[in-house]
């Protein structure tokens, strides 16, 4: 599959839908460009999946008990209101 894409004035490109589907790219994923050889104008594109906080849950040891998002939002609002006083 070969698709020609034009680079914008800001140096940006839009990955066509067919390619996004093929590579299973999602919002939040990152893209890595690695040079194939110094003398060639070629790169390898690698997709680095983005991670959500929920996916990382349990990856670190902690003594703090997990609270719900609702609870955390309420506590954050309370702390902010205290700081503003």
PDB file of N, CA and C in Angstrom:
ATOM      1  N   UNK A   1       0.844  -1.167   0.000  1.00  0.00           N
ATOM      2  CA  UNK A   1       0.000   0.000   0.000  1.00  0.00           C
ATOM      3  C   UNK A   1       0.893   1.235   0.000  1.00  0.00           C
ATOM      4  N   UNK A   2       0.610   2.167  -0.888  1.00  0.00           N
ATOM      5  CA  UNK A   2       1.385   3.395  -0.978  1.00  0.00           C
ATOM      6  C   UNK A   2       0.421   4.565  -1.091  1.00  0.00           C
ATOM      7  N   UNK A   3       0.563   5.520  -0.178  1.00  0.00           N
ATOM      8  CA  UNK A   3      -0.304   6.701  -0.171  1.00  0.00           C
ATOM      9  C   UNK A   3       0.583   7.930  -0.084  1.00  0.00           C
ATOM     10  N   UNK A   4       0.302   8.931  -0.904  1.00  0.00           N
ATOM     11  CA  UNK A   4       1.066  10.166  -0.908  1.00  0.00           C
ATOM     12  C   UNK A   4       0.348  11.189  -0.036  1.00  0.00           C
ATOM     13  N   UNK A   5       1.083  11.809   0.897  1.00  0.00           N
ATOM     14  CA  UNK A   5       0.512  12.784   1.819  1.00  0.00           C
ATOM     15  C   UNK A   5       1.325  14.071   1.712  1.00  0.00           C
ATOM     16  N   UNK A   6       0.658  15.219   1.756  1.00  0.00           N
ATOM     17  CA  UNK A   6       1.333  16.511   1.703  1.00  0.00           C
ATOM     18  C   UNK A   6       1.580  17.026   3.117  1.00  0.00           C
ATOM     19  N   UNK A   7       2.773  17.546   3.358  1.00  0.00           N
ATOM     20  CA  UNK A   7       3.129  18.116   4.655  1.00  0.00           C
ATOM     21  C   UNK A   7       2.642  19.561   4.703  1.00  0.00           C
ATOM     22  N   UNK A   8       2.031  19.958   5.834  1.00  0.00           N
ATOM     23  CA  UNK A   8       1.532  21.328   5.992  1.00  0.00           C
ATOM     24  C   UNK A   8       2.685  22.283   6.264  1.00  0.00           C
ATOM     25  N   UNK A   9       2.383  23.589   6.294  1.00  0.00           N
ATOM     26  CA  UNK A   9       3.392  24.617   6.595  1.00  0.00           C
ATOM     27  C   UNK A   9       4.004  24.413   7.975  1.00  0.00           C
ATOM     28  N   UNK A  10       3.247  23.803   8.889  1.00  0.00           N
ATOM     29  CA  UNK A  10       3.734  23.550  10.246  1.00  0.00           C
ATOM     30  C   UNK A  10       4.511  22.235  10.343  1.00  0.00           C
ATOM     31  N   UNK A  11       4.678  21.547   9.229  1.00  0.00           N
ATOM     32  CA  UNK A  11       5.408  20.273   9.240  1.00  0.00           C
ATOM     33  C   UNK A  11       4.555  19.109   9.701  1.00  0.00           C
ATOM     34  N   UNK A  12       3.224  19.264   9.643  1.00  0.00           N
ATOM     35  CA  UNK A  12       2.331  18.215  10.114  1.00  0.00           C
ATOM     36  C   UNK A  12       1.757  17.410   8.953  1.00  0.00           C
ATOM     37  N   UNK A  13       1.383  16.185   9.266  1.00  0.00           N
ATOM     38  CA  UNK A  13       0.685  15.339   8.292  1.00  0.00           C
ATOM     39  C   UNK A  13      -0.508  14.692   8.983  1.00  0.00           C
ATOM     40  N   UNK A  14      -1.498  14.341   8.207  1.00  0.00           N
ATOM     41  CA  UNK A  14      -2.641  13.592   8.713  1.00  0.00           C
ATOM     42  C   UNK A  14      -2.477  12.154   8.243  1.00  0.00           C
ATOM     43  N   UNK A  15      -2.528  11.219   9.174  1.00  0.00           N
ATOM     44  CA  UNK A  15      -2.427   9.804   8.805  1.00  0.00           C
ATOM     45  C   UNK A  15      -3.780   9.385   8.242  1.00  0.00           C
ATOM     46  N   UNK A  16      -3.816   8.923   6.994  1.00  0.00           N
ATOM     47  CA  UNK A  16      -5.081   8.531   6.382  1.00  0.00           C
ATOM     48  C   UNK A  16      -5.784   7.422   7.177  1.00  0.00           C
ATOM     49  N   UNK A  17      -7.101   7.407   7.111  1.00  0.00           N
ATOM     50  CA  UNK A  17      -7.902   6.457   7.866  1.00  0.00           C
ATOM     51  C   UNK A  17      -7.490   5.011   7.592  1.00  0.00           C
ATOM     52  N   UNK A  18      -7.250   4.671   6.323  1.00  0.00           N
ATOM     53  CA  UNK A  18      -6.851   3.292   5.981  1.00  0.00           C
ATOM     54  C   UNK A  18      -5.580   2.878   6.721  1.00  0.00           C
ATOM     55  N   UNK A  19      -4.627   3.802   6.811  1.00  0.00           N
ATOM     56  CA  UNK A  19      -3.365   3.515   7.500  1.00  0.00           C
ATOM     57  C   UNK A  19      -3.591   3.419   9.004  1.00  0.00           C
ATOM     58  N   UNK A  20      -4.407   4.336   9.565  1.00  0.00           N
ATOM     59  CA  UNK A  20      -4.717   4.282  11.011  1.00  0.00           C
ATOM     60  C   UNK A  20      -5.367   2.955  11.369  1.00  0.00           C
ATOM     61  N   UNK A  21      -6.289   2.504  10.527  1.00  0.00           N
ATOM     62  CA  UNK A  21      -6.949   1.215  10.780  1.00  0.00           C
ATOM     63  C   UNK A  21      -5.956   0.058  10.669  1.00  0.00           C
ATOM     64  N   UNK A  22      -5.093   0.116   9.652  1.00  0.00           N
ATOM     65  CA  UNK A  22      -4.093  -0.930   9.447  1.00  0.00           C
ATOM     66  C   UNK A  22      -3.150  -1.033  10.639  1.00  0.00           C
ATOM     67  N   UNK A  23      -2.717   0.124  11.158  1.00  0.00           N
ATOM     68  CA  UNK A  23      -1.766   0.153  12.270  1.00  0.00           C
ATOM     69  C   UNK A  23      -2.446   0.135  13.637  1.00  0.00           C
ATOM     70  N   UNK A  24      -3.789   0.206  13.625  1.00  0.00           N
ATOM     71  CA  UNK A  24      -4.575   0.233  14.864  1.00  0.00           C
ATOM     72  C   UNK A  24      -4.167   1.407  15.752  1.00  0.00           C
ATOM     73  N   UNK A  25      -3.983   2.580  15.115  1.00  0.00           N
ATOM     74  CA  UNK A  25      -3.592   3.796  15.823  1.00  0.00           C
ATOM     75  C   UNK A  25      -4.832   4.415  16.454  1.00  0.00           C
ATOM     76  N   UNK A  26      -4.672   4.845  17.729  1.00  0.00           N
ATOM     77  CA  UNK A  26      -5.771   5.471  18.451  1.00  0.00           C
ATOM     78  C   UNK A  26      -5.313   6.816  19.006  1.00  0.00           C
ATOM     79  N   UNK A  27      -6.272   7.710  19.301  1.00  0.00           N
ATOM     80  CA  UNK A  27      -5.885   8.966  19.956  1.00  0.00           C
ATOM     81  C   UNK A  27      -5.125   8.659  21.246  1.00  0.00           C
ATOM     82  N   UNK A  28      -4.064   9.382  21.484  1.00  0.00           N
ATOM     83  CA  UNK A  28      -3.238   9.136  22.668  1.00  0.00           C
ATOM     84  C   UNK A  28      -2.010   8.293  22.369  1.00  0.00           C
ATOM     85  N   UNK A  29      -2.022   7.569  21.242  1.00  0.00           N
ATOM     86  CA  UNK A  29      -0.843   6.806  20.841  1.00  0.00           C
ATOM     87  C   UNK A  29       0.232   7.778  20.370  1.00  0.00           C
ATOM     88  N   UNK A  30       1.470   7.358  20.453  1.00  0.00           N
ATOM     89  CA  UNK A  30       2.578   8.167  19.971  1.00  0.00           C
ATOM     90  C   UNK A  30       3.213   7.480  18.775  1.00  0.00           C
ATOM     91  N   UNK A  31       3.892   8.266  17.947  1.00  0.00           N
ATOM     92  CA  UNK A  31       4.543   7.744  16.750  1.00  0.00           C
ATOM     93  C   UNK A  31       6.034   8.029  16.850  1.00  0.00           C
ATOM     94  N   UNK A  32       6.848   7.016  16.605  1.00  0.00           N
ATOM     95  CA  UNK A  32       8.296   7.165  16.640  1.00  0.00           C
ATOM     96  C   UNK A  32       8.827   7.015  15.218  1.00  0.00           C
ATOM     97  N   UNK A  33       9.683   7.970  14.812  1.00  0.00           N
ATOM     98  CA  UNK A  33      10.327   7.905  13.505  1.00  0.00           C
ATOM     99  C   UNK A  33      11.797   7.593  13.732  1.00  0.00           C
ATOM    100  N   UNK A  34      12.273   6.510  13.134  1.00  0.00           N
ATOM    101  CA  UNK A  34      13.672   6.114  13.293  1.00  0.00           C
ATOM    102  C   UNK A  34      14.319   6.021  11.920  1.00  0.00           C
ATOM    103  N   UNK A  35      15.475   6.668  11.781  1.00  0.00           N
ATOM    104  CA  UNK A  35      16.180   6.667  10.504  1.00  0.00           C
ATOM    105  C   UNK A  35      16.675   5.259  10.162  1.00  0.00           C
ATOM    106  N   UNK A  36      16.457   4.849   8.914  1.00  0.00           N
ATOM    107  CA  UNK A  36      16.904   3.531   8.456  1.00  0.00           C
ATOM    108  C   UNK A  36      18.410   3.541   8.252  1.00  0.00           C
ATOM    109  N   UNK A  37      18.894   4.515   7.501  1.00  0.00           N
ATOM    110  CA  UNK A  37      20.330   4.645   7.241  1.00  0.00           C
ATOM    111  C   UNK A  37      20.633   6.121   7.047  1.00  0.00           C
ATOM    112  N   UNK A  38      21.777   6.595   7.575  1.00  0.00           N
ATOM    113  CA  UNK A  38      22.103   8.029   7.473  1.00  0.00           C
ATOM    114  C   UNK A  38      22.098   8.574   6.043  1.00  0.00           C
ATOM    115  N   UNK A  39      22.530   7.783   5.088  1.00  0.00           N
ATOM    116  CA  UNK A  39      22.624   8.285   3.710  1.00  0.00           C
ATOM    117  C   UNK A  39      21.295   8.233   2.953  1.00  0.00           C
ATOM    118  N   UNK A  40      20.300   7.538   3.492  1.00  0.00           N
ATOM    119  CA  UNK A  40      19.002   7.430   2.824  1.00  0.00           C
ATOM    120  C   UNK A  40      17.983   8.341   3.481  1.00  0.00           C
ATOM    121  N   UNK A  41      17.037   8.818   2.715  1.00  0.00           N
ATOM    122  CA  UNK A  41      15.941   9.623   3.253  1.00  0.00           C
ATOM    123  C   UNK A  41      14.755   8.699   3.527  1.00  0.00           C
ATOM    124  N   UNK A  42      14.983   7.728   4.406  1.00  0.00           N
ATOM    125  CA  UNK A  42      13.953   6.762   4.763  1.00  0.00           C
ATOM    126  C   UNK A  42      13.889   6.628   6.278  1.00  0.00           C
ATOM    127  N   UNK A  43      12.688   6.433   6.780  1.00  0.00           N
ATOM    128  CA  UNK A  43      12.506   6.207   8.208  1.00  0.00           C
ATOM    129  C   UNK A  43      11.591   5.013   8.429  1.00  0.00           C
ATOM    130  N   UNK A  44      11.705   4.445   9.615  1.00  0.00           N
ATOM    131  CA  UNK A  44      10.778   3.411  10.059  1.00  0.00           C
ATOM    132  C   UNK A  44       9.808   4.092  11.013  1.00  0.00           C
ATOM    133  N   UNK A  45       8.536   3.820  10.852  1.00  0.00           N
ATOM    134  CA  UNK A  45       7.518   4.395  11.726  1.00  0.00           C
ATOM    135  C   UNK A  45       7.076   3.323  12.702  1.00  0.00           C
ATOM    136  N   UNK A  46       7.098   3.678  13.989  1.00  0.00           N
ATOM    137  CA  UNK A  46       6.698   2.735  15.024  1.00  0.00           C
ATOM    138  C   UNK A  46       5.600   3.388  15.851  1.00  0.00           C
ATOM    139  N   UNK A  47       4.539   2.645  16.127  1.00  0.00           N
ATOM    140  CA  UNK A  47       3.441   3.134  16.944  1.00  0.00           C
ATOM    141  C   UNK A  47       3.692   2.724  18.388  1.00  0.00           C
ATOM    142  N   UNK A  48       3.613   3.698  19.292  1.00  0.00           N
ATOM    143  CA  UNK A  48       3.782   3.431  20.720  1.00  0.00           C
ATOM    144  C   UNK A  48       2.426   3.674  21.378  1.00  0.00           C
ATOM    145  N   UNK A  49       1.761   2.596  21.799  1.00  0.00           N
ATOM    146  CA  UNK A  49       0.411   2.758  22.364  1.00  0.00           C
ATOM    147  C   UNK A  49       0.410   3.667  23.584  1.00  0.00           C
ATOM    148  N   UNK A  50      -0.600   4.541  23.639  1.00  0.00           N
ATOM    149  CA  UNK A  50      -0.797   5.388  24.808  1.00  0.00           C
ATOM    150  C   UNK A  50      -1.368   4.544  25.935  1.00  0.00           C
ATOM    151  N   UNK A  51      -1.150   4.961  27.148  1.00  0.00           N
ATOM    152  CA  UNK A  51      -1.670   4.236  28.308  1.00  0.00           C
ATOM    153  C   UNK A  51      -2.599   5.139  29.086  1.00  0.00           C
ATOM    154  N   UNK A  52      -3.659   4.553  29.601  1.00  0.00           N
ATOM    155  CA  UNK A  52      -4.550   5.303  30.467  1.00  0.00           C
ATOM    156  C   UNK A  52      -4.149   5.021  31.909  1.00  0.00           C
ATOM    157  N   UNK A  53      -4.597   5.863  32.796  1.00  0.00           N
ATOM    158  CA  UNK A  53      -4.291   5.686  34.213  1.00  0.00           C
ATOM    159  C   UNK A  53      -4.817   4.332  34.683  1.00  0.00           C
ATOM    160  N   UNK A  54      -5.996   3.952  34.202  1.00  0.00           N
ATOM    161  CA  UNK A  54      -6.580   2.681  34.625  1.00  0.00           C
ATOM    162  C   UNK A  54      -5.708   1.494  34.212  1.00  0.00           C
ATOM    163  N   UNK A  55      -5.084   1.580  33.038  1.00  0.00           N
ATOM    164  CA  UNK A  55      -4.220   0.491  32.580  1.00  0.00           C
ATOM    165  C   UNK A  55      -2.978   0.354  33.450  1.00  0.00           C
ATOM    166  N   UNK A  56      -2.542   1.460  34.045  1.00  0.00           N
ATOM    167  CA  UNK A  56      -1.349   1.438  34.877  1.00  0.00           C
ATOM    168  C   UNK A  56      -1.647   1.061  36.326  1.00  0.00           C
ATOM    169  N   UNK A  57      -2.939   0.988  36.683  1.00  0.00           N
ATOM    170  CA  UNK A  57      -3.309   0.675  38.063  1.00  0.00           C
ATOM    171  C   UNK A  57      -2.698  -0.659  38.494  1.00  0.00           C
ATOM    172  N   UNK A  58      -2.042  -0.661  39.631  1.00  0.00           N
ATOM    173  CA  UNK A  58      -1.438  -1.869  40.166  1.00  0.00           C
ATOM    174  C   UNK A  58      -0.008  -2.093  39.727  1.00  0.00           C
ATOM    175  N   UNK A  59       0.510  -1.217  38.864  1.00  0.00           N
ATOM    176  CA  UNK A  59       1.878  -1.421  38.397  1.00  0.00           C
ATOM    177  C   UNK A  59       2.916  -0.960  39.421  1.00  0.00           C
ATOM    178  N   UNK A  60       2.491  -0.178  40.411  1.00  0.00           N
ATOM    179  CA  UNK A  60       3.388   0.270  41.470  1.00  0.00           C
ATOM    180  C   UNK A  60       2.835  -0.152  42.824  1.00  0.00           C
ATOM    181  N   UNK A  61       3.731  -0.420  43.740  1.00  0.00           N
ATOM    182  CA  UNK A  61       3.292  -0.763  45.084  1.00  0.00           C
ATOM    183  C   UNK A  61       2.913   0.510  45.828  1.00  0.00           C
ATOM    184  N   UNK A  62       1.830   0.432  46.608  1.00  0.00           N
ATOM    185  CA  UNK A  62       1.403   1.578  47.394  1.00  0.00           C
ATOM    186  C   UNK A  62       0.641   1.113  48.627  1.00  0.00           C
ATOM    187  N   UNK A  63       0.654   1.928  49.634  1.00  0.00           N
ATOM    188  CA  UNK A  63      -0.118   1.630  50.835  1.00  0.00           C
ATOM    189  C   UNK A  63      -1.426   2.419  50.831  1.00  0.00           C
ATOM    190  N   UNK A  64      -1.593   3.282  49.819  1.00  0.00           N
ATOM    191  CA  UNK A  64      -2.783   4.113  49.709  1.00  0.00           C
ATOM    192  C   UNK A  64      -3.871   3.318  48.992  1.00  0.00           C
ATOM    193  N   UNK A  65      -5.059   3.305  49.583  1.00  0.00           N
ATOM    194  CA  UNK A  65      -6.179   2.579  48.992  1.00  0.00           C
ATOM    195  C   UNK A  65      -6.744   3.376  47.818  1.00  0.00           C
ATOM    196  N   UNK A  66      -7.092   2.692  46.735  1.00  0.00           N
ATOM    197  CA  UNK A  66      -7.657   3.328  45.548  1.00  0.00           C
ATOM    198  C   UNK A  66      -9.047   3.865  45.861  1.00  0.00           C
ATOM    199  N   UNK A  67      -9.309   5.099  45.468  1.00  0.00           N
ATOM    200  CA  UNK A  67     -10.615   5.713  45.651  1.00  0.00           C
ATOM    201  C   UNK A  67     -11.278   5.875  44.285  1.00  0.00           C
ATOM    202  N   UNK A  68     -12.574   6.017  44.282  1.00  0.00           N
ATOM    203  CA  UNK A  68     -13.282   6.211  43.017  1.00  0.00           C
ATOM    204  C   UNK A  68     -12.971   7.590  42.444  1.00  0.00           C
ATOM    205  N   UNK A  69     -13.205   7.746  41.151  1.00  0.00           N
ATOM    206  CA  UNK A  69     -12.969   9.041  40.514  1.00  0.00           C
ATOM    207  C   UNK A  69     -13.867  10.111  41.123  1.00  0.00           C
ATOM    208  N   UNK A  70     -15.105   9.735  41.414  1.00  0.00           N
ATOM    209  CA  UNK A  70     -16.052  10.681  42.001  1.00  0.00           C
ATOM    210  C   UNK A  70     -15.513  11.196  43.338  1.00  0.00           C
ATOM    211  N   UNK A  71     -15.040  10.300  44.177  1.00  0.00           N
ATOM    212  CA  UNK A  71     -14.486  10.675  45.475  1.00  0.00           C
ATOM    213  C   UNK A  71     -13.284  11.597  45.290  1.00  0.00           C
ATOM    214  N   UNK A  72     -12.391  11.241  44.367  1.00  0.00           N
ATOM    215  CA  UNK A  72     -11.189  12.046  44.130  1.00  0.00           C
ATOM    216  C   UNK A  72     -11.552  13.442  43.641  1.00  0.00           C
ATOM    217  N   UNK A  73     -12.559  13.557  42.757  1.00  0.00           N
ATOM    218  CA  UNK A  73     -12.996  14.868  42.281  1.00  0.00           C
ATOM    219  C   UNK A  73     -13.528  15.718  43.426  1.00  0.00           C
ATOM    220  N   UNK A  74     -14.350  15.101  44.284  1.00  0.00           N
ATOM    221  CA  UNK A  74     -14.914  15.831  45.424  1.00  0.00           C
ATOM    222  C   UNK A  74     -13.812  16.316  46.362  1.00  0.00           C
ATOM    223  N   UNK A  75     -12.842  15.470  46.637  1.00  0.00           N
ATOM    224  CA  UNK A  75     -11.739  15.856  47.516  1.00  0.00           C
ATOM    225  C   UNK A  75     -10.897  16.976  46.884  1.00  0.00           C
ATOM    226  N   UNK A  76     -10.691  16.904  45.583  1.00  0.00           N
ATOM    227  CA  UNK A  76      -9.934  17.935  44.886  1.00  0.00           C
ATOM    228  C   UNK A  76     -10.660  19.275  44.971  1.00  0.00           C
ATOM    229  N   UNK A  77     -11.985  19.262  44.763  1.00  0.00           N
ATOM    230  CA  UNK A  77     -12.769  20.494  44.875  1.00  0.00           C
ATOM    231  C   UNK A  77     -12.647  21.092  46.269  1.00  0.00           C
ATOM    232  N   UNK A  78     -12.702  20.249  47.298  1.00  0.00           N
ATOM    233  CA  UNK A  78     -12.575  20.718  48.674  1.00  0.00           C
ATOM    234  C   UNK A  78     -11.205  21.359  48.912  1.00  0.00           C
ATOM    235  N   UNK A  79     -10.161  20.687  48.441  1.00  0.00           N
ATOM    236  CA  UNK A  79      -8.807  21.224  48.623  1.00  0.00           C
ATOM    237  C   UNK A  79      -8.626  22.550  47.900  1.00  0.00           C
ATOM    238  N   UNK A  80      -9.150  22.655  46.701  1.00  0.00           N
ATOM    239  CA  UNK A  80      -9.043  23.897  45.934  1.00  0.00           C
ATOM    240  C   UNK A  80      -9.782  25.018  46.642  1.00  0.00           C
ATOM    241  N   UNK A  81     -10.985  24.728  47.149  1.00  0.00           N
ATOM    242  CA  UNK A  81     -11.750  25.766  47.831  1.00  0.00           C
ATOM    243  C   UNK A  81     -11.024  26.215  49.112  1.00  0.00           C
ATOM    244  N   UNK A  82     -10.331  25.298  49.784  1.00  0.00           N
ATOM    245  CA  UNK A  82      -9.567  25.665  50.968  1.00  0.00           C
ATOM    246  C   UNK A  82      -8.364  26.536  50.617  1.00  0.00           C
ATOM    247  N   UNK A  83      -7.738  26.252  49.486  1.00  0.00           N
ATOM    248  CA  UNK A  83      -6.574  27.033  49.069  1.00  0.00           C
ATOM    249  C   UNK A  83      -6.964  28.460  48.669  1.00  0.00           C
ATOM    250  N   UNK A  84      -8.170  28.629  48.152  1.00  0.00           N
ATOM    251  CA  UNK A  84      -8.628  29.942  47.705  1.00  0.00           C
ATOM    252  C   UNK A  84      -8.998  30.856  48.859  1.00  0.00           C
ATOM    253  N   UNK A  85      -9.212  30.278  50.043  1.00  0.00           N
ATOM    254  CA  UNK A  85      -9.603  31.089  51.210  1.00  0.00           C
ATOM    255  C   UNK A  85      -8.454  31.846  51.786  1.00  0.00           C
TER     256      UNK A  85
END
